[in-house]
């Protein structure tokens, strides 16, 4: 009887220790959930309101984009915000790269409108930087995406209207 009681006590202790370890593992896996971590980074970046800290906000948005799984829609959001912060911080080359990355990521997810919007942002930067080859490449991507039969007609019209001005800028030869 005494051994049975000791066995029950030891079994209860083992179960308690095991469940504490299991709870600790569950808690630690939540602490390292990439989506939760990425959302925390986005919140920190969005909390930055000082214009002088745009570079820090851009870094946080970029870091969040890298932490999100590739197919997560907030990854595109983070890349677009990083690109905007880089652009307004004066780093237009990096902004263009980030918009292109956001476009590719949105396209891979099947978000054709979102992809085209990011390509258009990259297009405007390329035109501003007088990078005709990049501008044409981005414009071509928008045209291809807007030709998709899965794209709603209203989106198609809006996208094509947005590229009309850069198209005109590209077709006019600048004097050298």
Foldseek 3Di string as FASTA:
>chain_A
DVVVVVVVVVVVVVVVVVVVVVVVVVVVVVVLQLLVVLVVLQVVLVPDDDLVCLQVSLVSLCVSLVSDPLLDLVSLVSLQSSLVSCVSVPNLVVSLVSLQVSLVSCVVNVNLLSNLVSLLVSLVSCVVVVVLVSNVVSVVSNVVSLPDPVDDPVSSVVSVVSCPVSVVSNVDDDDD
